[in-house]
């Protein structure tokens, strides 16, 4: 997009030429500050203009997601569950990750097919709303953890027509961190409290 990037660097030109010639996957290794985000965004935007519907730019941290969004406001954003507050436990500041969401009769739950909440007129769950928006298609920037859980560990998501993996060398660490879980006294107390509240 010339309005954002009036001049193209040699690195970017070579990378875009390679992308144009490559029909399968391509790995680019470029130094910091050389415009990798611009290359990835341009690649996905080109696919979008050609009619592609499901396009993802994934990056390991929320900070990098925010950076991509800042440069490209037209892109949708989705973070991991731990970045959203659970509305069911509004007064307790519980994240969506810490909430036993699937076991709750929550009025804020968003239907991922229709985008409607369980109860009409309530504020939608911000995590499920972001998931719904991402599932509808378009250009989405998200954390690697969000992508892993939606596309690899669950069903109902289309294979993306375009995927840019920023910081690909950190994939193994992100996967390992996403699948590990520390059971602390805090979590045990929350489980006990929940079990008591449902008279289990």
N, C-alpha and C. Protein backbone atom coordinates (compact mmCIF):
# COMPACT_ATOMS: atom_id res chain seq x y z
N UNK A 1 0.83 -1.21 0.00
CA UNK A 1 0.00 0.00 0.00
C UNK A 1 0.87 1.25 0.00
N UNK A 2 0.83 1.99 -1.07
CA UNK A 2 1.74 3.12 -1.26
C UNK A 2 1.50 4.25 -0.27
N UNK A 3 0.27 4.38 0.26
CA UNK A 3 0.03 5.45 1.23
C UNK A 3 0.77 5.19 2.53
N UNK A 4 0.97 3.92 2.89
CA UNK A 4 1.70 3.58 4.12
C UNK A 4 3.20 3.45 3.87
N UNK A 5 3.55 2.94 2.69
CA UNK A 5 4.94 2.67 2.37
C UNK A 5 5.27 3.32 1.03
N UNK A 6 5.61 4.62 1.04
CA UNK A 6 5.85 5.32 -0.22
C UNK A 6 7.05 4.80 -1.01
N UNK A 7 8.02 4.23 -0.30
CA UNK A 7 9.19 3.67 -0.99
C UNK A 7 9.40 2.24 -0.55
N UNK A 8 9.81 1.41 -1.48
CA UNK A 8 10.05 0.00 -1.17
C UNK A 8 11.56 -0.22 -1.06
N UNK A 9 11.96 -0.98 -0.05
CA UNK A 9 13.39 -1.26 0.13
C UNK A 9 13.78 -2.42 -0.79
N UNK A 10 15.08 -2.60 -0.98
CA UNK A 10 15.57 -3.72 -1.81
C UNK A 10 15.13 -5.06 -1.22
N UNK A 11 15.24 -5.19 0.12
CA UNK A 11 14.80 -6.43 0.79
C UNK A 11 13.33 -6.72 0.49
N UNK A 12 12.50 -5.69 0.61
CA UNK A 12 11.08 -5.87 0.38
C UNK A 12 10.80 -6.23 -1.08
N UNK A 13 11.47 -5.58 -1.99
CA UNK A 13 11.26 -5.86 -3.41
C UNK A 13 11.62 -7.32 -3.72
N UNK A 14 12.77 -7.77 -3.22
CA UNK A 14 13.19 -9.16 -3.46
C UNK A 14 12.20 -10.14 -2.83
N UNK A 15 11.74 -9.84 -1.62
CA UNK A 15 10.80 -10.73 -0.94
C UNK A 15 9.48 -10.81 -1.70
N UNK A 16 8.97 -9.68 -2.17
CA UNK A 16 7.71 -9.68 -2.91
C UNK A 16 7.85 -10.39 -4.26
N UNK A 17 9.01 -10.27 -4.88
CA UNK A 17 9.26 -11.02 -6.12
C UNK A 17 9.22 -12.53 -5.86
N UNK A 18 9.85 -12.96 -4.75
CA UNK A 18 9.84 -14.38 -4.38
C UNK A 18 8.41 -14.86 -4.10
N UNK A 19 7.65 -14.04 -3.39
CA UNK A 19 6.26 -14.40 -3.09
C UNK A 19 5.44 -14.56 -4.37
N UNK A 20 5.69 -13.69 -5.33
CA UNK A 20 4.95 -13.75 -6.59
C UNK A 20 5.25 -15.05 -7.35
N UNK A 21 6.48 -15.53 -7.25
CA UNK A 21 6.90 -16.72 -7.99
C UNK A 21 6.57 -18.02 -7.25
N UNK A 22 6.37 -17.95 -5.94
CA UNK A 22 6.19 -19.15 -5.13
C UNK A 22 4.72 -19.51 -5.02
N UNK A 23 4.40 -20.75 -5.28
CA UNK A 23 3.01 -21.21 -5.19
C UNK A 23 2.72 -21.90 -3.85
N UNK A 24 3.71 -22.36 -3.18
CA UNK A 24 3.53 -23.05 -1.90
C UNK A 24 3.97 -22.13 -0.77
N UNK A 25 4.58 -22.68 0.27
CA UNK A 25 5.03 -21.85 1.39
C UNK A 25 6.42 -21.28 1.11
N UNK A 26 6.71 -20.22 1.81
CA UNK A 26 7.99 -19.53 1.64
C UNK A 26 8.44 -19.02 3.00
N UNK A 27 9.71 -19.21 3.31
CA UNK A 27 10.27 -18.70 4.55
C UNK A 27 11.20 -17.55 4.21
N UNK A 28 10.97 -16.40 4.84
CA UNK A 28 11.82 -15.24 4.64
C UNK A 28 12.51 -14.91 5.96
N UNK A 29 13.80 -14.71 5.90
CA UNK A 29 14.55 -14.31 7.08
C UNK A 29 15.15 -12.95 6.78
N UNK A 30 14.66 -11.94 7.49
CA UNK A 30 15.09 -10.57 7.25
C UNK A 30 15.46 -9.91 8.57
N UNK A 31 16.39 -8.96 8.55
CA UNK A 31 16.81 -8.32 9.80
C UNK A 31 15.71 -7.43 10.38
N UNK A 32 15.83 -7.15 11.66
CA UNK A 32 14.90 -6.26 12.35
C UNK A 32 14.88 -4.90 11.66
N UNK A 33 13.68 -4.36 11.49
CA UNK A 33 13.54 -3.04 10.89
C UNK A 33 13.57 -3.03 9.37
N UNK A 34 13.54 -4.20 8.74
CA UNK A 34 13.63 -4.25 7.28
C UNK A 34 12.27 -4.30 6.59
N UNK A 35 11.20 -4.21 7.37
CA UNK A 35 9.88 -4.12 6.77
C UNK A 35 9.17 -5.45 6.57
N UNK A 36 9.41 -6.41 7.46
CA UNK A 36 8.75 -7.72 7.33
C UNK A 36 7.23 -7.60 7.48
N UNK A 37 6.78 -6.75 8.39
CA UNK A 37 5.34 -6.57 8.59
C UNK A 37 4.69 -6.05 7.32
N UNK A 38 5.34 -5.10 6.67
CA UNK A 38 4.81 -4.55 5.43
C UNK A 38 4.73 -5.61 4.34
N UNK A 39 5.71 -6.49 4.30
CA UNK A 39 5.71 -7.57 3.30
C UNK A 39 4.53 -8.52 3.58
N UNK A 40 4.39 -8.93 4.83
CA UNK A 40 3.31 -9.85 5.19
C UNK A 40 1.94 -9.25 4.94
N UNK A 41 1.76 -7.98 5.32
CA UNK A 41 0.48 -7.31 5.11
C UNK A 41 0.18 -7.18 3.62
N UNK A 42 1.18 -6.79 2.84
CA UNK A 42 0.99 -6.64 1.40
C UNK A 42 0.62 -7.97 0.75
N UNK A 43 1.27 -9.04 1.18
CA UNK A 43 0.96 -10.37 0.67
C UNK A 43 -0.50 -10.73 0.94
N UNK A 44 -0.94 -10.54 2.20
CA UNK A 44 -2.32 -10.88 2.56
C UNK A 44 -3.33 -9.96 1.89
N UNK A 45 -3.00 -8.70 1.77
CA UNK A 45 -3.90 -7.74 1.11
C UNK A 45 -4.08 -8.09 -0.36
N UNK A 46 -3.01 -8.55 -0.99
CA UNK A 46 -3.07 -8.97 -2.39
C UNK A 46 -4.00 -10.17 -2.54
N UNK A 47 -3.90 -11.13 -1.63
CA UNK A 47 -4.79 -12.29 -1.64
C UNK A 47 -6.24 -11.86 -1.42
N UNK A 48 -6.45 -10.92 -0.52
CA UNK A 48 -7.80 -10.43 -0.24
C UNK A 48 -8.40 -9.78 -1.48
N UNK A 49 -7.62 -8.98 -2.17
CA UNK A 49 -8.11 -8.32 -3.39
C UNK A 49 -8.41 -9.33 -4.49
N UNK A 50 -7.74 -10.50 -4.42
CA UNK A 50 -7.99 -11.55 -5.41
C UNK A 50 -9.17 -12.44 -5.02
N UNK A 51 -9.82 -12.13 -3.87
CA UNK A 51 -11.02 -12.87 -3.49
C UNK A 51 -10.86 -13.82 -2.33
N UNK A 52 -9.67 -13.93 -1.75
CA UNK A 52 -9.47 -14.83 -0.60
C UNK A 52 -10.23 -14.27 0.61
N UNK A 53 -10.80 -15.17 1.39
CA UNK A 53 -11.66 -14.76 2.51
C UNK A 53 -11.00 -14.96 3.89
N UNK A 54 -10.23 -16.02 4.05
CA UNK A 54 -9.67 -16.36 5.35
C UNK A 54 -8.17 -16.09 5.35
N UNK A 55 -7.76 -14.99 5.98
CA UNK A 55 -6.37 -14.55 5.93
C UNK A 55 -5.88 -14.22 7.34
N UNK A 56 -4.77 -14.82 7.73
CA UNK A 56 -4.26 -14.63 9.09
C UNK A 56 -2.81 -14.18 9.09
N UNK A 57 -2.54 -13.19 9.94
CA UNK A 57 -1.19 -12.75 10.25
C UNK A 57 -1.01 -13.09 11.73
N UNK A 58 -0.16 -14.06 12.04
CA UNK A 58 0.00 -14.47 13.44
C UNK A 58 1.37 -14.07 13.96
N UNK A 59 1.36 -13.69 15.22
CA UNK A 59 2.58 -13.24 15.86
C UNK A 59 2.53 -13.64 17.34
N UNK A 60 3.67 -13.89 17.99
CA UNK A 60 3.65 -14.52 19.32
C UNK A 60 3.11 -13.68 20.47
N UNK A 61 3.14 -12.36 20.36
CA UNK A 61 2.76 -11.56 21.54
C UNK A 61 1.67 -10.54 21.21
N UNK A 62 0.96 -10.15 22.26
CA UNK A 62 -0.08 -9.13 22.13
C UNK A 62 0.54 -7.80 21.68
N UNK A 63 1.74 -7.50 22.16
CA UNK A 63 2.41 -6.26 21.78
C UNK A 63 2.62 -6.19 20.28
N UNK A 64 3.05 -7.30 19.68
CA UNK A 64 3.25 -7.33 18.23
C UNK A 64 1.92 -7.27 17.48
N UNK A 65 0.88 -7.91 18.03
CA UNK A 65 -0.45 -7.80 17.42
C UNK A 65 -0.87 -6.33 17.40
N UNK A 66 -0.70 -5.65 18.53
CA UNK A 66 -1.07 -4.24 18.62
C UNK A 66 -0.27 -3.38 17.64
N UNK A 67 0.99 -3.72 17.44
CA UNK A 67 1.84 -2.98 16.50
C UNK A 67 1.32 -3.13 15.07
N UNK A 68 0.96 -4.36 14.69
CA UNK A 68 0.42 -4.59 13.34
C UNK A 68 -0.88 -3.81 13.17
N UNK A 69 -1.75 -3.85 14.18
CA UNK A 69 -3.03 -3.14 14.14
C UNK A 69 -2.81 -1.63 14.03
N UNK A 70 -1.81 -1.12 14.73
CA UNK A 70 -1.52 0.33 14.70
C UNK A 70 -1.16 0.76 13.28
N UNK A 71 -0.34 -0.03 12.59
CA UNK A 71 0.07 0.31 11.24
C UNK A 71 -1.01 0.04 10.21
N UNK A 72 -1.91 -0.89 10.52
CA UNK A 72 -2.92 -1.32 9.56
C UNK A 72 -4.29 -1.41 10.24
N UNK A 73 -4.95 -0.27 10.45
CA UNK A 73 -6.22 -0.25 11.20
C UNK A 73 -7.35 -1.06 10.57
N UNK A 74 -7.23 -1.43 9.30
CA UNK A 74 -8.30 -2.18 8.64
C UNK A 74 -8.32 -3.65 9.01
N UNK A 75 -7.31 -4.11 9.73
CA UNK A 75 -7.17 -5.52 10.05
C UNK A 75 -7.92 -5.83 11.36
N UNK A 76 -8.59 -6.98 11.42
CA UNK A 76 -9.28 -7.41 12.64
C UNK A 76 -8.25 -7.96 13.63
N UNK A 77 -8.60 -7.93 14.93
CA UNK A 77 -7.68 -8.36 15.97
C UNK A 77 -8.30 -9.46 16.83
N UNK A 78 -7.50 -10.46 17.18
CA UNK A 78 -7.94 -11.50 18.12
C UNK A 78 -6.74 -11.91 18.98
N UNK A 79 -6.95 -11.92 20.29
CA UNK A 79 -5.91 -12.32 21.23
C UNK A 79 -6.26 -13.69 21.82
N UNK A 80 -5.39 -14.20 22.67
CA UNK A 80 -5.68 -15.43 23.39
C UNK A 80 -6.70 -15.17 24.51
N UNK A 81 -7.27 -16.23 25.04
CA UNK A 81 -8.33 -16.13 26.06
C UNK A 81 -7.89 -15.34 27.29
N UNK A 82 -6.61 -15.43 27.63
CA UNK A 82 -6.14 -14.76 28.85
C UNK A 82 -6.15 -13.24 28.74
N UNK A 83 -6.35 -12.71 27.54
CA UNK A 83 -6.36 -11.26 27.34
C UNK A 83 -7.74 -10.64 27.49
N UNK A 84 -8.76 -11.46 27.71
CA UNK A 84 -10.13 -10.96 27.80
C UNK A 84 -10.70 -11.23 29.19
N UNK A 85 -11.47 -10.28 29.70
CA UNK A 85 -12.12 -10.43 30.99
C UNK A 85 -13.44 -11.16 30.81
N UNK A 86 -13.71 -12.11 31.70
CA UNK A 86 -14.96 -12.87 31.66
C UNK A 86 -16.08 -12.00 32.24
N UNK A 87 -17.13 -11.77 31.47
CA UNK A 87 -18.24 -10.93 31.92
C UNK A 87 -19.14 -11.64 32.93
N UNK A 88 -19.10 -12.96 32.96
CA UNK A 88 -19.89 -13.71 33.93
C UNK A 88 -19.43 -13.40 35.35
N UNK A 89 -18.11 -13.23 35.50
CA UNK A 89 -17.50 -12.91 36.80
C UNK A 89 -17.03 -11.46 36.80
N UNK A 90 -17.87 -10.53 36.39
CA UNK A 90 -17.47 -9.13 36.24
C UNK A 90 -16.83 -8.53 37.47
N UNK A 91 -17.38 -8.83 38.63
CA UNK A 91 -16.89 -8.20 39.86
C UNK A 91 -15.61 -8.83 40.40
N UNK A 92 -15.19 -9.96 39.81
CA UNK A 92 -14.04 -10.68 40.35
C UNK A 92 -12.80 -10.59 39.47
N UNK A 93 -12.87 -9.88 38.36
CA UNK A 93 -11.74 -9.70 37.45
C UNK A 93 -11.11 -11.03 37.04
N UNK A 94 -11.93 -11.92 36.52
CA UNK A 94 -11.48 -13.24 36.07
C UNK A 94 -11.30 -13.19 34.55
N UNK A 95 -10.19 -13.75 34.07
CA UNK A 95 -9.98 -13.77 32.62
C UNK A 95 -10.81 -14.89 31.99
N UNK A 96 -11.04 -14.77 30.70
CA UNK A 96 -11.79 -15.81 29.97
C UNK A 96 -11.07 -17.15 30.08
N UNK A 97 -9.75 -17.12 30.16
CA UNK A 97 -8.97 -18.35 30.28
C UNK A 97 -9.24 -19.06 31.61
N UNK A 98 -9.45 -18.29 32.66
CA UNK A 98 -9.66 -18.86 33.99
C UNK A 98 -11.11 -19.20 34.28
N UNK A 99 -11.99 -18.85 33.38
CA UNK A 99 -13.41 -19.12 33.57
C UNK A 99 -13.78 -20.50 33.03
N UNK A 100 -14.62 -21.24 33.76
CA UNK A 100 -15.09 -22.54 33.25
C UNK A 100 -16.24 -22.32 32.26
N UNK A 101 -15.95 -21.58 31.23
CA UNK A 101 -16.94 -21.07 30.27
C UNK A 101 -17.92 -22.13 29.77
N UNK A 102 -17.42 -23.27 29.35
CA UNK A 102 -18.29 -24.28 28.76
C UNK A 102 -19.27 -24.88 29.76
N UNK A 103 -19.02 -24.69 31.06
CA UNK A 103 -19.91 -25.24 32.09
C UNK A 103 -20.90 -24.20 32.61
N UNK A 104 -20.79 -22.97 32.14
CA UNK A 104 -21.64 -21.90 32.66
C UNK A 104 -22.83 -21.65 31.74
N UNK A 105 -23.93 -21.26 32.34
CA UNK A 105 -25.09 -20.79 31.58
C UNK A 105 -24.95 -19.27 31.52
N UNK A 106 -24.12 -18.81 30.60
CA UNK A 106 -23.72 -17.41 30.56
C UNK A 106 -24.54 -16.63 29.53
N UNK A 107 -25.19 -15.54 29.95
CA UNK A 107 -25.98 -14.74 29.01
C UNK A 107 -25.11 -14.02 27.97
N UNK A 108 -23.80 -13.89 28.25
CA UNK A 108 -22.90 -13.15 27.37
C UNK A 108 -22.30 -14.03 26.26
N UNK A 109 -22.55 -15.34 26.33
CA UNK A 109 -21.97 -16.27 25.35
C UNK A 109 -22.42 -15.87 23.94
N UNK A 110 -21.46 -15.86 23.03
CA UNK A 110 -21.72 -15.49 21.63
C UNK A 110 -21.77 -16.75 20.78
N UNK A 111 -22.83 -16.91 20.01
CA UNK A 111 -22.94 -18.01 19.06
C UNK A 111 -21.96 -17.74 17.92
N UNK A 112 -21.01 -18.64 17.70
CA UNK A 112 -19.96 -18.42 16.70
C UNK A 112 -20.47 -18.52 15.27
N UNK A 113 -21.69 -18.99 15.08
CA UNK A 113 -22.27 -19.05 13.73
C UNK A 113 -23.08 -17.80 13.41
N UNK A 114 -23.77 -17.23 14.42
CA UNK A 114 -24.67 -16.10 14.17
C UNK A 114 -24.16 -14.78 14.74
N UNK A 115 -23.32 -14.84 15.77
CA UNK A 115 -22.83 -13.63 16.43
C UNK A 115 -23.79 -13.11 17.49
N UNK A 116 -24.90 -13.83 17.74
CA UNK A 116 -25.89 -13.39 18.73
C UNK A 116 -25.51 -13.90 20.11
N UNK A 117 -25.88 -13.12 21.13
CA UNK A 117 -25.63 -13.54 22.51
C UNK A 117 -26.77 -14.44 22.99
N UNK A 118 -26.50 -15.19 24.06
CA UNK A 118 -27.51 -16.08 24.64
C UNK A 118 -28.76 -15.30 25.04
N UNK A 119 -28.53 -14.13 25.64
CA UNK A 119 -29.64 -13.26 26.03
C UNK A 119 -29.52 -11.98 25.20
N UNK A 120 -30.59 -11.64 24.52
CA UNK A 120 -30.61 -10.46 23.64
C UNK A 120 -30.36 -9.20 24.45
N UNK A 121 -29.49 -8.34 23.93
CA UNK A 121 -29.26 -7.03 24.53
C UNK A 121 -28.13 -6.94 25.53
N UNK A 122 -27.55 -8.09 25.94
CA UNK A 122 -26.44 -8.01 26.89
C UNK A 122 -25.13 -7.77 26.14
N UNK A 123 -24.14 -7.32 26.86
CA UNK A 123 -22.81 -7.12 26.27
C UNK A 123 -22.23 -8.48 25.89
N UNK A 124 -21.77 -8.64 24.64
CA UNK A 124 -21.22 -9.93 24.25
C UNK A 124 -19.86 -10.19 24.89
N UNK A 125 -19.58 -11.46 25.14
CA UNK A 125 -18.26 -11.88 25.62
C UNK A 125 -17.22 -11.39 24.61
N UNK A 126 -16.26 -10.61 25.07
CA UNK A 126 -15.30 -10.01 24.14
C UNK A 126 -14.42 -11.06 23.46
N UNK A 127 -14.09 -12.14 24.16
CA UNK A 127 -13.29 -13.19 23.55
C UNK A 127 -14.08 -13.90 22.45
N UNK A 128 -15.30 -14.31 22.77
CA UNK A 128 -16.10 -15.02 21.77
C UNK A 128 -16.51 -14.09 20.62
N UNK A 129 -16.69 -12.80 20.90
CA UNK A 129 -16.99 -11.85 19.83
C UNK A 129 -15.81 -11.73 18.87
N UNK A 130 -14.60 -11.67 19.42
CA UNK A 130 -13.39 -11.61 18.57
C UNK A 130 -13.26 -12.90 17.75
N UNK A 131 -13.57 -14.04 18.37
CA UNK A 131 -13.54 -15.32 17.65
C UNK A 131 -14.55 -15.33 16.50
N UNK A 132 -15.76 -14.84 16.79
CA UNK A 132 -16.80 -14.78 15.76
C UNK A 132 -16.35 -13.91 14.59
N UNK A 133 -15.80 -12.73 14.90
CA UNK A 133 -15.34 -11.82 13.84
C UNK A 133 -14.22 -12.45 13.02
N UNK A 134 -13.30 -13.13 13.69
CA UNK A 134 -12.19 -13.79 13.00
C UNK A 134 -12.70 -14.93 12.12
N UNK A 135 -13.70 -15.64 12.62
CA UNK A 135 -14.24 -16.79 11.88
C UNK A 135 -15.01 -16.35 10.63
N UNK A 136 -15.56 -15.14 10.68
CA UNK A 136 -16.29 -14.61 9.52
C UNK A 136 -15.37 -14.40 8.32
N UNK A 137 -14.08 -14.29 8.58
CA UNK A 137 -13.13 -14.11 7.49
C UNK A 137 -12.60 -12.69 7.42
N UNK A 138 -11.85 -12.44 6.38
CA UNK A 138 -11.18 -11.16 6.23
C UNK A 138 -9.74 -11.27 6.70
N UNK A 139 -9.14 -10.14 6.88
CA UNK A 139 -7.75 -10.07 7.30
C UNK A 139 -7.71 -9.97 8.83
N UNK A 140 -7.07 -10.94 9.48
CA UNK A 140 -7.05 -11.01 10.95
C UNK A 140 -5.61 -11.10 11.42
N UNK A 141 -5.27 -10.26 12.40
CA UNK A 141 -3.99 -10.40 13.09
C UNK A 141 -4.31 -10.97 14.47
N UNK A 142 -3.58 -11.99 14.86
CA UNK A 142 -3.86 -12.64 16.14
C UNK A 142 -2.57 -13.19 16.74
N UNK A 143 -2.67 -13.55 18.02
CA UNK A 143 -1.53 -14.19 18.65
C UNK A 143 -1.42 -15.62 18.11
N UNK A 144 -0.23 -16.15 18.17
CA UNK A 144 0.01 -17.51 17.73
C UNK A 144 -0.84 -18.48 18.55
N UNK A 145 -0.98 -18.21 19.85
CA UNK A 145 -1.79 -19.07 20.72
C UNK A 145 -3.24 -19.10 20.25
N UNK A 146 -3.80 -17.95 19.90
CA UNK A 146 -5.18 -17.91 19.40
C UNK A 146 -5.31 -18.78 18.16
N UNK A 147 -4.37 -18.64 17.24
CA UNK A 147 -4.42 -19.41 16.00
C UNK A 147 -4.31 -20.92 16.28
N UNK A 148 -3.40 -21.29 17.16
CA UNK A 148 -3.23 -22.71 17.48
C UNK A 148 -4.51 -23.31 18.04
N UNK A 149 -5.13 -22.61 18.98
CA UNK A 149 -6.33 -23.15 19.61
C UNK A 149 -7.53 -23.16 18.68
N UNK A 150 -7.63 -22.21 17.78
CA UNK A 150 -8.78 -22.19 16.88
C UNK A 150 -8.61 -23.10 15.68
N UNK A 151 -7.41 -23.17 15.14
CA UNK A 151 -7.21 -23.91 13.90
C UNK A 151 -6.64 -25.32 14.07
N UNK A 152 -5.88 -25.55 15.11
CA UNK A 152 -5.28 -26.86 15.30
C UNK A 152 -5.96 -27.70 16.38
N UNK A 153 -6.48 -27.05 17.41
CA UNK A 153 -7.03 -27.78 18.54
C UNK A 153 -8.55 -27.76 18.61
N UNK A 154 -9.21 -27.23 17.62
CA UNK A 154 -10.68 -27.22 17.61
C UNK A 154 -11.17 -27.45 16.19
N UNK A 155 -12.47 -27.64 16.09
CA UNK A 155 -13.06 -27.90 14.77
C UNK A 155 -13.89 -26.70 14.34
N UNK A 156 -14.26 -26.70 13.07
CA UNK A 156 -15.17 -25.68 12.58
C UNK A 156 -14.50 -24.46 11.97
N UNK A 157 -13.19 -24.50 11.82
CA UNK A 157 -12.49 -23.38 11.20
C UNK A 157 -11.99 -23.80 9.82
N UNK A 158 -12.20 -22.94 8.86
CA UNK A 158 -11.71 -23.19 7.50
C UNK A 158 -10.18 -23.09 7.47
N UNK A 159 -9.58 -23.84 6.59
CA UNK A 159 -8.14 -23.71 6.37
C UNK A 159 -7.91 -22.31 5.79
N UNK A 160 -6.95 -21.56 6.32
CA UNK A 160 -6.73 -20.21 5.80
C UNK A 160 -6.24 -20.23 4.36
N UNK A 161 -6.66 -19.24 3.61
CA UNK A 161 -6.21 -19.11 2.23
C UNK A 161 -4.88 -18.35 2.16
N UNK A 162 -4.54 -17.69 3.24
CA UNK A 162 -3.26 -16.99 3.35
C UNK A 162 -2.84 -16.92 4.80
N UNK A 163 -1.59 -17.23 5.08
CA UNK A 163 -1.10 -17.25 6.45
C UNK A 163 0.32 -16.69 6.48
N UNK A 164 0.51 -15.68 7.32
CA UNK A 164 1.84 -15.13 7.58
C UNK A 164 2.17 -15.44 9.03
N UNK A 165 3.30 -16.11 9.25
CA UNK A 165 3.74 -16.43 10.61
C UNK A 165 4.95 -15.56 10.93
N UNK A 166 4.73 -14.55 11.75
CA UNK A 166 5.81 -13.67 12.18
C UNK A 166 6.55 -14.35 13.32
N UNK A 167 7.84 -14.18 13.39
CA UNK A 167 8.66 -14.80 14.44
C UNK A 167 8.47 -16.32 14.45
N UNK A 168 8.56 -16.93 13.28
CA UNK A 168 8.32 -18.38 13.14
C UNK A 168 9.27 -19.20 14.01
N UNK A 169 10.45 -18.68 14.30
CA UNK A 169 11.40 -19.43 15.11
C UNK A 169 10.92 -19.60 16.56
N UNK A 170 9.87 -18.86 16.95
CA UNK A 170 9.34 -18.96 18.31
C UNK A 170 8.12 -19.88 18.41
N UNK A 171 7.76 -20.55 17.32
CA UNK A 171 6.58 -21.41 17.30
C UNK A 171 6.63 -22.51 18.37
N UNK A 172 7.76 -23.18 18.48
CA UNK A 172 7.87 -24.28 19.45
C UNK A 172 7.65 -23.79 20.88
N UNK A 173 8.23 -22.65 21.23
CA UNK A 173 8.04 -22.10 22.58
C UNK A 173 6.58 -21.73 22.82
N UNK A 174 5.95 -21.11 21.82
CA UNK A 174 4.55 -20.72 21.96
C UNK A 174 3.67 -21.95 22.14
N UNK A 175 3.92 -22.98 21.37
CA UNK A 175 3.15 -24.21 21.47
C UNK A 175 3.33 -24.84 22.85
N UNK A 176 4.56 -24.91 23.30
CA UNK A 176 4.86 -25.49 24.62
C UNK A 176 4.16 -24.69 25.72
N UNK A 177 4.24 -23.35 25.65
CA UNK A 177 3.61 -22.51 26.67
C UNK A 177 2.09 -22.61 26.62
N UNK A 178 1.53 -22.78 25.42
CA UNK A 178 0.08 -22.86 25.27
C UNK A 178 -0.48 -24.15 25.85
N UNK A 179 0.32 -25.20 25.83
CA UNK A 179 -0.17 -26.50 26.29
C UNK A 179 0.21 -26.81 27.73
N UNK A 180 0.98 -25.95 28.36
CA UNK A 180 1.34 -26.20 29.76
C UNK A 180 0.36 -25.44 30.67
N UNK A 181 0.20 -25.96 31.85
CA UNK A 181 -0.72 -25.34 32.79
C UNK A 181 -0.23 -25.57 34.20
N UNK A 182 -0.11 -24.50 34.97
CA UNK A 182 0.32 -24.61 36.36
C UNK A 182 -0.91 -24.61 37.25
N UNK A 183 -1.05 -25.64 38.06
CA UNK A 183 -2.16 -25.70 39.01
C UNK A 183 -1.66 -25.10 40.32
N UNK A 184 -2.20 -23.96 40.66
CA UNK A 184 -1.79 -23.25 41.87
C UNK A 184 -2.92 -23.32 42.89
N UNK A 185 -2.63 -22.87 44.11
CA UNK A 185 -3.65 -22.80 45.14
C UNK A 185 -4.82 -21.93 44.68
N UNK A 186 -4.52 -20.84 43.97
CA UNK A 186 -5.56 -19.94 43.47
C UNK A 186 -6.56 -20.71 42.60
N UNK A 187 -6.05 -21.51 41.66
CA UNK A 187 -6.93 -22.26 40.77
C UNK A 187 -7.70 -23.35 41.52
N UNK A 188 -7.06 -23.99 42.47
CA UNK A 188 -7.76 -24.99 43.27
C UNK A 188 -8.90 -24.35 44.06
N UNK A 189 -8.65 -23.17 44.63
CA UNK A 189 -9.69 -22.46 45.36
C UNK A 189 -10.85 -22.09 44.44
N UNK A 190 -10.55 -21.69 43.21
CA UNK A 190 -11.61 -21.32 42.24
C UNK A 190 -12.43 -22.56 41.88
N UNK A 191 -11.77 -23.70 41.71
CA UNK A 191 -12.49 -24.94 41.38
C UNK A 191 -13.40 -25.33 42.54
N UNK A 192 -12.86 -25.26 43.76
CA UNK A 192 -13.66 -25.60 44.94
C UNK A 192 -14.87 -24.68 45.04
N UNK A 193 -14.63 -23.38 44.85
CA UNK A 193 -15.72 -22.40 44.92
C UNK A 193 -16.78 -22.70 43.87
N UNK A 194 -16.35 -23.02 42.66
CA UNK A 194 -17.31 -23.34 41.59
C UNK A 194 -18.10 -24.59 41.93
N UNK A 195 -17.40 -25.62 42.37
CA UNK A 195 -18.07 -26.89 42.69
C UNK A 195 -19.09 -26.69 43.80
N UNK A 196 -18.76 -25.86 44.80
CA UNK A 196 -19.71 -25.57 45.87
C UNK A 196 -20.91 -24.79 45.35
N UNK A 197 -20.67 -23.88 44.40
CA UNK A 197 -21.77 -23.06 43.87
C UNK A 197 -22.77 -23.86 43.06
N UNK A 198 -22.36 -24.97 42.49
CA UNK A 198 -23.28 -25.82 41.73
C UNK A 198 -23.70 -27.04 42.55
N UNK A 199 -23.36 -27.01 43.84
CA UNK A 199 -23.73 -28.06 44.78
C UNK A 199 -23.26 -29.44 44.31
N UNK A 200 -21.99 -29.49 43.84
CA UNK A 200 -21.44 -30.77 43.36
C UNK A 200 -20.84 -31.57 44.50
